[in-house]
Protein backbone atom coordinates (compact mmCIF):
# COMPACT_ATOMS: atom_id res chain seq x y z
CA MET A 1 6.14 24.14 17.89
CA LYS A 2 3.07 21.92 16.79
CA GLN A 3 0.81 25.57 16.30
CA LEU A 4 4.06 26.47 14.19
CA TYR A 5 3.56 23.42 11.98
CA LEU A 6 -0.32 23.80 11.59
CA ILE A 7 -0.06 27.47 10.88
CA SER A 8 2.86 27.11 7.78
CA ALA A 9 0.25 23.95 6.31
CA ALA A 10 -2.39 25.85 6.34
CA THR A 11 -0.95 29.00 4.64
CA LEU A 12 0.53 26.39 2.23
CA ILE A 13 -2.96 25.10 1.51
CA ALA A 14 -4.54 28.15 1.40
CA ALA A 15 -1.98 29.18 -1.33
CA ILE A 16 -2.61 26.17 -3.23
CA ALA A 17 -6.26 26.01 -2.77
CA GLN A 18 -6.88 29.23 -5.27
CA PRO A 19 -9.25 28.87 -7.88
CA ALA A 20 -8.15 27.60 -10.95
CA SER A 21 -8.40 31.18 -12.52
CA ALA A 22 -5.92 32.61 -10.32
CA GLN A 23 -3.20 30.25 -11.44
CA GLN A 24 -1.11 30.83 -14.62
CA ALA A 25 -1.74 28.31 -17.52
CA PRO A 26 1.13 25.86 -17.92
CA PRO A 27 2.78 26.10 -21.17
CA ASP A 28 1.35 23.21 -23.95
CA GLY A 29 2.67 20.16 -23.53
CA LEU A 30 3.58 20.72 -19.91
CA THR A 31 1.53 20.09 -16.94
CA LEU A 32 1.70 21.16 -13.24
CA SER A 33 -0.01 19.19 -10.72
CA GLY A 34 0.46 18.31 -6.69
CA SER A 35 -0.96 17.98 -3.27
CA VAL A 36 -0.56 18.94 0.16
CA ARG A 37 -2.09 16.60 2.76
CA MET A 38 -1.70 17.60 6.59
CA ARG A 39 -2.96 14.43 8.82
CA TYR A 40 -3.23 13.93 12.41
CA GLU A 41 -3.10 10.26 13.69
CA ALA A 42 -3.76 9.30 17.21
CA LEU A 43 -3.66 5.25 18.69
CA ASP A 44 -4.23 4.01 22.33
CA GLY A 45 -3.94 0.52 23.24
CA GLN A 46 -0.78 -0.71 20.76
CA ALA A 47 -1.49 -4.28 19.79
CA ARG A 48 2.32 -4.49 18.08
CA ALA A 49 5.08 -5.84 20.32
CA GLY A 50 8.01 -3.51 20.68
CA PHE A 51 6.43 -0.10 20.84
CA GLY A 52 4.88 2.00 23.05
CA ALA A 53 1.16 1.49 24.65
CA GLU A 54 0.03 5.17 22.66
CA ASP A 55 1.40 6.88 19.96
CA GLU A 56 0.46 10.23 17.68
CA LEU A 57 2.05 11.82 14.53
CA PHE A 58 1.19 14.78 12.94
CA SER A 59 2.08 14.38 9.04
CA ILE A 60 2.70 16.67 6.40
CA ARG A 61 3.06 15.03 2.79
CA THR A 62 3.67 17.60 -0.13
CA ILE A 63 3.91 16.19 -3.95
CA ILE A 64 4.41 18.41 -7.05
CA LEU A 65 4.56 16.36 -10.67
CA ALA A 66 6.11 18.60 -13.97
CA GLU A 67 5.27 16.55 -17.01
CA TYR A 68 6.14 17.30 -20.34
CA ARG A 69 4.02 15.50 -23.57
CA GLU A 70 4.17 15.95 -27.45
CA ASN A 71 3.68 13.63 -29.73
CA GLY A 72 3.89 10.57 -28.04
CA PHE A 73 6.94 11.67 -25.85
CA ARG A 74 6.85 12.34 -22.32
CA ALA A 75 9.34 13.53 -19.59
CA GLY A 76 8.30 13.96 -16.02
CA ILE A 77 9.92 14.06 -12.36
CA GLU A 78 7.45 14.11 -9.09
CA LEU A 79 9.01 15.21 -5.58
CA TYR A 80 7.77 13.59 -2.91
CA ASP A 81 8.72 15.46 0.53
CA SER A 82 7.28 13.81 3.35
CA ARG A 83 7.80 14.97 6.96
CA ALA A 84 6.49 13.82 10.51
CA TYR A 85 6.33 15.86 13.56
CA GLY A 86 5.40 15.00 17.59
CA SER A 87 6.06 11.51 17.98
CA GLN A 88 6.02 9.94 21.41
CA PRO A 89 8.67 7.70 22.93
CA GLY A 90 8.68 4.16 21.67
CA SER A 91 6.10 5.11 18.60
CA ALA A 92 6.44 3.17 15.68
CA ILE A 93 7.69 6.14 13.15
CA GLY A 94 9.83 4.78 10.42
CA THR A 95 10.56 5.35 6.79
CA ALA A 96 6.76 4.90 6.05
CA GLU A 97 6.24 8.38 7.80
CA VAL A 98 9.25 10.43 6.68
CA ASN A 99 11.41 10.89 3.11
CA THR A 100 12.24 14.33 2.74
CA LEU A 101 12.71 16.22 -0.51
CA GLU A 102 12.96 12.95 -2.55
CA PRO A 103 12.41 12.90 -6.40
CA VAL A 104 10.69 9.59 -6.47
CA GLN A 105 9.75 9.59 -10.31
CA ALA A 106 12.54 11.18 -13.08
CA TYR A 107 11.57 9.30 -16.27
CA ILE A 108 11.07 9.41 -19.69
CA GLY A 109 8.49 7.36 -22.14
CA TYR A 110 7.30 6.83 -25.78
CA GLU A 111 3.47 5.70 -26.73
CA VAL A 112 2.66 4.48 -29.98
CA ARG A 113 -0.62 4.76 -31.07
CA GLU A 114 -1.75 1.51 -33.10
CA PRO A 115 1.32 0.25 -33.60
CA PHE A 116 -0.18 -3.31 -34.95
CA GLY A 117 -3.95 -1.91 -36.17
CA ARG A 118 -6.74 -0.33 -35.12
CA GLY A 119 -7.09 -0.19 -31.02
CA THR A 120 -3.86 -1.16 -30.60
CA ALA A 121 -0.96 0.78 -28.57
CA LEU A 122 2.37 0.15 -27.04
CA ALA A 123 4.14 2.38 -24.65
CA VAL A 124 7.69 1.92 -22.61
CA GLN A 125 9.29 4.05 -19.62
CA ALA A 126 12.60 4.45 -18.53
CA GLY A 127 13.89 6.26 -15.37
CA ARG A 128 12.72 6.37 -11.76
CA PHE A 129 8.48 5.51 -11.35
CA THR A 130 6.16 4.48 -9.29
CA LEU A 131 3.96 1.21 -9.98
CA ASN A 132 0.70 0.05 -9.68
CA LEU A 133 0.15 -3.67 -11.07
CA GLY A 134 -2.51 -5.87 -11.02
CA SER A 135 -4.64 -5.85 -7.41
CA ARG A 136 -1.74 -4.00 -6.18
CA ARG A 137 -1.17 -6.82 -3.40
CA LEU A 138 2.37 -7.23 -4.04
CA VAL A 139 3.70 -3.90 -6.11
CA ALA A 140 2.02 -0.54 -5.45
CA ALA A 141 2.42 3.40 -5.00
CA ASP A 142 0.90 3.50 -1.26
CA ASP A 143 -1.52 6.21 -0.77
CA TYR A 144 -2.59 6.01 2.41
CA ARG A 145 0.83 6.46 3.96
CA ASN A 146 3.14 9.20 4.28
CA THR A 147 5.70 7.84 1.85
CA THR A 148 5.18 5.83 -1.35
CA ASN A 149 7.38 2.85 -2.95
CA GLY A 150 9.62 3.88 -5.96
CA TYR A 151 11.47 2.17 -8.43
CA SER A 152 14.07 2.28 -10.90
CA GLY A 153 13.94 0.51 -14.23
CA LEU A 154 12.18 -0.12 -17.41
CA ARG A 155 8.58 -0.76 -18.16
CA GLY A 156 6.44 -1.90 -21.48
CA ASP A 157 2.93 -1.59 -22.26
CA ILE A 158 1.16 -3.16 -25.12
CA ARG A 159 -2.59 -3.56 -25.74
CA ALA A 160 -4.36 -5.28 -28.40
CA SER A 161 -7.37 -4.44 -30.13
CA ASN A 162 -9.73 -7.35 -28.33
CA GLY A 163 -8.54 -5.47 -25.05
CA THR A 164 -5.70 -8.36 -24.27
CA ALA A 165 -3.08 -6.17 -22.15
CA ALA A 166 0.45 -6.82 -20.99
CA THR A 167 2.68 -5.47 -18.70
CA LEU A 168 6.69 -6.14 -18.71
CA PHE A 169 9.09 -4.66 -16.03
CA TYR A 170 12.66 -4.62 -14.48
CA THR A 171 13.37 -2.78 -11.65
CA LEU A 172 15.62 -1.83 -8.85
CA PRO A 173 13.41 -0.50 -5.56
CA GLN A 174 14.08 2.46 -3.92
CA VAL A 175 15.32 1.78 -0.25
CA ARG A 176 14.10 5.03 1.59
CA LEU A 177 16.61 6.73 3.50
CA PRO A 178 17.68 8.10 6.10
CA ASP A 179 16.56 4.89 7.67
CA ASP A 180 18.32 5.39 11.10
CA ARG A 181 15.69 6.94 14.25
CA PRO A 182 17.59 9.98 14.96
CA SER A 183 17.45 11.33 11.50
CA ILE A 184 13.96 10.15 10.72
CA LEU A 185 12.78 12.42 14.07
CA ASP A 186 14.87 15.30 12.87
CA ASN A 187 13.52 15.04 9.31
CA LYS A 188 16.57 14.92 7.49
CA VAL A 189 17.42 14.93 3.86
CA ARG A 190 19.12 11.95 1.89
CA LEU A 191 18.73 10.85 -1.28
CA ASP A 192 17.21 6.74 -1.69
CA ARG A 193 19.45 4.12 -3.26
CA GLU A 194 18.47 2.03 -6.07
CA SER A 195 21.11 -1.09 -6.33
CA PHE A 196 21.22 -4.39 -8.16
CA ASP A 197 21.53 -5.53 -4.54
CA LEU A 198 17.61 -5.49 -4.50
CA GLN A 199 15.91 -6.61 -7.94
CA LEU A 200 12.13 -6.83 -9.07
CA TRP A 201 11.09 -7.80 -11.99
CA GLY A 202 8.19 -10.01 -13.95
CA GLY A 203 4.96 -9.28 -15.76
CA LEU A 204 0.81 -9.66 -16.15
CA VAL A 205 -1.19 -10.51 -18.97
CA SER A 206 -5.11 -9.42 -18.60
CA ARG A 207 -7.96 -9.84 -21.03
CA PRO A 208 -11.48 -8.69 -20.40
CA ARG A 209 -14.88 -10.69 -20.11
CA VAL A 210 -13.77 -14.19 -20.42
CA VAL A 211 -15.68 -16.06 -17.61
CA ALA A 212 -19.21 -14.10 -16.89
CA GLY A 213 -18.34 -10.89 -17.91
CA ALA A 214 -14.96 -10.84 -15.65
CA LEU A 215 -11.59 -9.86 -16.45
CA VAL A 216 -8.72 -12.56 -16.45
CA GLU A 217 -5.48 -11.63 -15.49
CA ILE A 218 -2.11 -14.25 -14.67
CA GLY A 219 1.24 -12.94 -13.38
CA TYR A 220 4.89 -13.85 -12.27
CA ILE A 221 6.93 -11.46 -10.10
CA GLY A 222 10.53 -12.05 -9.17
CA LEU A 223 12.08 -10.80 -6.24
CA THR A 224 16.40 -11.02 -5.69
CA GLU A 225 17.96 -9.63 -2.56
CA ARG A 226 21.50 -9.98 -1.05
CA ASP A 227 23.32 -8.08 1.60
CA ALA A 228 24.69 -4.53 1.09
CA PRO A 229 27.51 -2.99 3.12
CA GLY A 230 26.10 -2.05 6.43
CA ARG A 231 22.70 -3.65 5.36
CA PRO A 232 22.06 -7.00 5.82
CA THR A 233 19.15 -8.81 4.89
CA ARG A 234 17.20 -12.24 4.59
CA ASN A 235 18.77 -12.67 1.17
CA ARG A 236 15.30 -13.46 -0.31
CA HIS A 237 14.94 -15.02 -3.59
CA LEU A 238 11.11 -15.43 -3.98
CA HIS A 239 8.78 -16.38 -7.35
CA ASN A 240 5.19 -15.38 -7.28
CA VAL A 241 2.94 -16.79 -9.40
CA SER A 242 -0.70 -15.36 -9.51
CA ALA A 243 -3.84 -15.49 -11.11
CA ARG A 244 -6.78 -13.44 -10.77
CA LEU A 245 -10.66 -13.29 -12.21
CA ILE A 246 -12.62 -10.00 -11.38
CA ARG A 247 -16.00 -8.40 -12.29
CA ASP A 248 -16.37 -4.57 -11.68
CA PRO A 249 -19.26 -3.17 -9.27
CA ALA A 250 -21.96 -1.73 -11.15
CA PRO A 251 -25.43 -0.70 -9.60
CA GLY A 252 -28.25 -3.76 -9.75
CA LYS A 253 -25.32 -6.22 -10.45
CA ALA A 254 -23.27 -8.37 -8.41
CA ASP A 255 -19.33 -8.37 -8.75
CA PHE A 256 -16.83 -10.70 -7.33
CA GLU A 257 -12.87 -11.10 -7.47
CA VAL A 258 -10.76 -14.19 -6.38
CA GLU A 259 -7.61 -13.75 -6.29
CA GLY A 260 -4.34 -16.75 -5.47
CA ILE A 261 -0.68 -16.12 -5.25
CA TYR A 262 1.62 -18.99 -4.69
CA GLN A 263 4.95 -17.94 -3.30
CA PHE A 264 7.96 -20.18 -3.66
CA GLY A 265 12.23 -19.34 -3.45
CA SER A 266 14.65 -19.63 -0.93
CA VAL A 267 15.38 -17.05 2.32
CA ARG A 268 17.71 -17.27 5.15
CA SER A 269 16.42 -17.81 8.44
CA SER A 270 17.79 -14.61 9.97
CA LEU A 271 19.53 -11.50 9.22
CA ALA A 272 23.22 -12.93 10.04
CA ALA A 273 25.44 -13.92 6.81
CA ASP A 274 26.19 -17.66 7.78
CA ALA A 275 22.43 -18.33 8.67
CA PRO A 276 20.67 -21.35 7.16
CA GLU A 277 18.70 -21.05 3.74
CA LEU A 278 15.27 -22.29 3.83
CA ASP A 279 12.75 -23.59 1.16
CA VAL A 280 9.95 -21.36 0.77
CA SER A 281 6.46 -22.51 0.02
CA ALA A 282 3.78 -19.71 0.74
CA TRP A 283 0.56 -18.58 -0.63
CA PHE A 284 -2.02 -15.96 -0.33
CA LEU A 285 -6.04 -16.32 -1.10
CA HIS A 286 -8.46 -13.13 -1.24
CA ALA A 287 -12.30 -13.53 -2.48
CA ASP A 288 -15.00 -11.15 -2.32
CA ALA A 289 -18.16 -11.01 -3.68
CA GLY A 290 -20.88 -8.07 -3.75
CA TYR A 291 -23.74 -6.48 -4.72
CA THR A 292 -24.36 -2.51 -5.88
CA PHE A 293 -27.84 -1.40 -4.76
CA PRO A 294 -29.75 0.82 -7.49
CA GLY A 295 -30.79 4.03 -5.78
CA PRO A 296 -28.82 7.41 -4.56
CA LEU A 297 -26.88 6.01 -2.46
CA LYS A 298 -24.58 3.82 -4.63
CA ALA A 299 -24.35 1.31 -1.65
CA ARG A 300 -22.10 -1.71 -2.25
CA LEU A 301 -22.69 -4.55 0.60
CA SER A 302 -19.91 -7.43 0.31
CA VAL A 303 -18.64 -10.55 2.20
CA GLU A 304 -14.78 -11.26 1.44
CA TYR A 305 -11.71 -13.54 2.82
CA ASP A 306 -8.06 -13.26 3.07
CA HIS A 307 -6.01 -15.84 3.81
CA ALA A 308 -2.11 -15.39 4.11
CA SER A 309 0.29 -18.35 4.87
CA GLY A 310 2.20 -18.15 8.00
CA ASP A 311 5.36 -20.39 9.31
CA GLY A 312 4.42 -23.78 10.45
CA SER A 313 6.64 -26.40 12.10
CA GLY A 314 7.82 -28.16 8.64
CA ARG A 315 10.76 -27.59 6.82
CA SER A 316 10.36 -24.83 4.45
CA TYR A 317 9.48 -21.07 5.26
CA GLY A 318 5.67 -20.81 5.40
CA ARG A 319 5.11 -17.05 5.94
CA PHE A 320 3.85 -15.15 2.92
CA ASP A 321 5.85 -12.21 2.17
CA THR A 322 3.56 -9.27 0.12
CA LEU A 323 6.75 -7.18 -1.08
CA PHE A 324 5.66 -4.10 -1.61
CA GLY A 325 2.13 -4.39 -1.88
CA MET A 326 -0.70 -2.23 -0.24
CA ARG A 327 -2.73 -2.99 2.96
CA ARG A 328 -5.38 -0.35 3.15
CA ALA A 329 -8.00 -1.40 0.48
CA ASP A 330 -8.02 -4.70 1.62
CA LEU A 331 -7.20 -4.98 5.40
CA ALA A 332 -6.42 -1.91 7.10
CA PRO A 333 -5.13 1.45 7.43
CA ALA A 334 -1.09 1.96 7.44
CA GLY A 335 0.11 4.59 8.78
CA ILE A 336 0.90 4.46 13.09
CA TYR A 337 -1.85 1.42 13.03
CA ALA A 338 -0.40 -1.01 10.86
CA GLN A 339 -1.64 -4.08 12.90
CA ILE A 340 -3.07 -6.19 10.70
CA GLY A 341 -0.93 -7.01 6.92
CA ARG A 342 -0.87 -9.58 4.33
CA ALA A 343 0.96 -12.42 6.69
CA ASN A 344 -0.13 -15.21 8.88
CA ILE A 345 -3.53 -14.25 8.81
CA SER A 346 -7.16 -16.04 8.09
CA THR A 347 -9.91 -13.42 7.84
CA PRO A 348 -13.72 -13.31 6.97
CA GLY A 349 -15.33 -10.36 6.39
CA VAL A 350 -18.06 -8.08 5.45
CA ARG A 351 -18.04 -4.36 3.86
CA LEU A 352 -20.58 -1.46 3.20
CA GLU A 353 -19.75 1.30 0.78
CA MET A 354 -21.89 4.23 -0.02
CA ALA A 355 -20.91 7.26 -2.47
CA PRO A 356 -24.72 9.53 -1.77
CA THR A 357 -23.01 12.46 -3.99
CA PRO A 358 -20.23 13.35 -6.23
CA ARG A 359 -18.75 14.92 -2.78
CA LEU A 360 -19.34 12.21 -0.21
CA ASP A 361 -18.07 8.79 0.24
CA GLY A 362 -17.25 6.33 2.93
CA PHE A 363 -17.27 2.44 3.99
CA VAL A 364 -17.37 0.63 7.13
CA ALA A 365 -16.33 -2.71 7.31
CA TYR A 366 -15.77 -5.80 10.20
CA ARG A 367 -13.67 -8.48 10.08
CA ALA A 368 -12.62 -11.60 12.31
CA MET A 369 -8.96 -12.42 12.67
CA TRP A 370 -7.03 -16.22 13.42
CA LEU A 371 -3.66 -16.84 12.85
CA ALA A 372 -3.07 -19.40 9.81
CA GLU A 373 -0.14 -20.92 11.85
CA ARG A 374 -0.28 -20.47 15.93
CA THR A 375 3.12 -20.81 16.51
CA ASP A 376 4.05 -17.85 13.61
CA ALA A 377 3.99 -13.95 14.47
CA PHE A 378 0.21 -12.64 14.14
CA SER A 379 0.16 -10.63 11.17
CA THR A 380 2.26 -7.46 11.43
CA THR A 381 1.86 -7.39 15.23
CA GLY A 382 5.05 -9.02 16.00
CA VAL A 383 3.24 -10.95 18.49
CA ARG A 384 4.22 -14.73 18.68
CA ASP A 385 3.64 -17.85 21.04
CA PRO A 386 6.12 -20.37 19.70
CA SER A 387 4.35 -23.16 21.76
CA GLY A 388 1.22 -22.61 20.33
CA ARG A 389 -0.64 -22.60 23.51
CA SER A 390 -2.38 -19.11 23.21
CA GLY A 391 -4.63 -20.29 20.62
CA SER A 392 -5.27 -18.89 17.43
CA PHE A 393 -8.16 -16.39 17.91
CA ALA A 394 -6.72 -13.03 17.37
CA GLY A 395 -10.07 -10.63 17.76
CA HIS A 396 -12.47 -8.38 16.03
CA GLN A 397 -11.62 -5.23 13.79
CA ILE A 398 -13.88 -2.51 12.84
CA GLU A 399 -12.84 0.14 10.48
CA GLY A 400 -14.22 2.79 8.19
CA ARG A 401 -13.31 6.08 6.35
CA VAL A 402 -15.80 9.02 5.72
CA ARG A 403 -14.46 11.44 2.84
CA TRP A 404 -15.97 14.96 1.69
CA TRP A 405 -14.83 17.02 -0.74
CA LEU A 406 -15.24 20.64 0.84
CA ILE A 407 -14.31 22.33 -2.60
CA PRO A 408 -14.88 19.81 -5.30
CA ASN A 409 -11.57 18.73 -6.78
CA LEU A 410 -9.78 21.38 -4.97
CA LEU A 411 -10.11 20.90 -0.83
CA ARG A 412 -11.23 17.40 0.68
CA ALA A 413 -11.04 16.42 4.52
CA GLU A 414 -11.04 12.77 5.35
CA ILE A 415 -11.20 10.61 8.55
CA ASN A 416 -10.59 7.20 9.49
CA GLY A 417 -11.07 5.42 12.43
CA ALA A 418 -10.34 1.57 13.41
CA TRP A 419 -10.94 -0.77 16.58
CA LEU A 420 -9.38 -3.76 17.38
CA GLY A 421 -11.02 -6.15 20.04
CA LYS A 422 -8.08 -8.23 20.96
CA GLY A 423 -8.63 -12.07 21.45
CA ARG A 424 -7.03 -14.65 23.40
CA PHE A 425 -3.80 -14.70 20.98
CA LEU A 426 -3.19 -11.03 21.30
CA GLU A 427 -4.26 -11.12 25.30
CA ASP A 428 -2.12 -13.95 26.29
CA ALA A 429 0.64 -14.47 23.90
CA PRO A 430 4.21 -14.41 26.07
CA ASN A 431 5.14 -10.77 24.36
CA ALA A 432 1.70 -9.33 23.54
CA PRO A 433 1.41 -5.71 24.84
CA ARG A 434 -0.89 -5.59 27.92
CA THR A 435 -2.62 -2.38 26.67
CA GLY A 436 -6.43 -3.47 26.37
CA ASN A 437 -8.11 -2.79 23.09
CA THR A 438 -6.90 -0.92 20.31
CA ARG A 439 -8.19 2.34 19.13
CA TYR A 440 -6.97 4.44 16.34
CA VAL A 441 -8.33 7.64 14.46
CA SER A 442 -6.56 9.94 11.84
CA ILE A 443 -7.99 13.37 10.58
CA ALA A 444 -6.74 14.73 7.61
CA VAL A 445 -6.99 17.48 5.06
CA THR A 446 -5.48 17.51 1.20
CA ALA A 447 -5.44 20.35 -1.43
CA GLY A 448 -4.51 19.92 -4.86
CA PHE A 449 -3.80 21.67 -8.06
């Protein structure tokens, strides 16, 4: 059966990856675009509690976007079809891998050019859409994952002539469906839902060239969650205040980024409707500094540090919640790996990136990892020692990626790999899987049009 899936996907990619001259040009104002990604993932030495020691998955993600623009008006619809096959018993497969025939985006928008003078702009958008806000550490449209995050609501963007920009939004995040394991394994079709039981809102303001040529950004993002029929929740009411300073990489120059997020509000201690409500006090810090060497390799070497608080023994709840943020750009691959995320972790690292040709790029990164709070579950593994006697060192991670355009701007191959050398905590904690070190690899081919 897997061979049939491979043949079908290869046929579809071959049909898409034709020269542009073979495709019919769209009418004025209408653009059609899309992609098909085939990916095989394999994992051995699972570090997450509650899953099998080994896992593998073959996934196909098809995206088709149609957008019409005229005189500042635009309307679009984007269909995601994310399917997965061949999962093993005990697999971590879920809504991050499967979401079939879903109109993630269906929106209208309007842009006014220079409404307040030369160099200014104003744009509004309504409907279903994706969001990538600021550093994408709290709100993002995940790309490595087989499915993405969608939001329904309103968005407004304004830009001043001096480069100052602001974004305001009020949305209802889409809850991916189906979410039961039998339906996911069968790639069943069911439309996602949005409701006032889950609300996300806030805004960002940024200004370029404020300090040492760096952009300054401040933001607020709020989340309100409550139980829905058949869907108990932690009843999160979270406020996130952030500040970021970033200078982009450039050849022969140093660059840096520092971002801090403070999170407060309330959350239930469990999914039970009568569970006690806890005050939240959590935080996150990211810092990196790099240098891009002149020359054809376009090599950038950087050191970085990430800290996301965990839940300690105090009266308030201290585990940082990354909401809808991405993990791939900072910490580790998602997919069936997903061992490392933005929660209860303290991790310094070093990264080397290169792009020697327009068709080839890659990176390799190393990080050492500790628990921020030794009595809380480590990162996104679910491994925990309430006594704290298993220590705080989680281990070492080495990961990397290579991407190569087989046909420029049309067909790209990608390979990702990660190795997690487990430290004392991931070996000795009471519920730590006794599976040895973790090894992960993914191979993907993406065709776009």
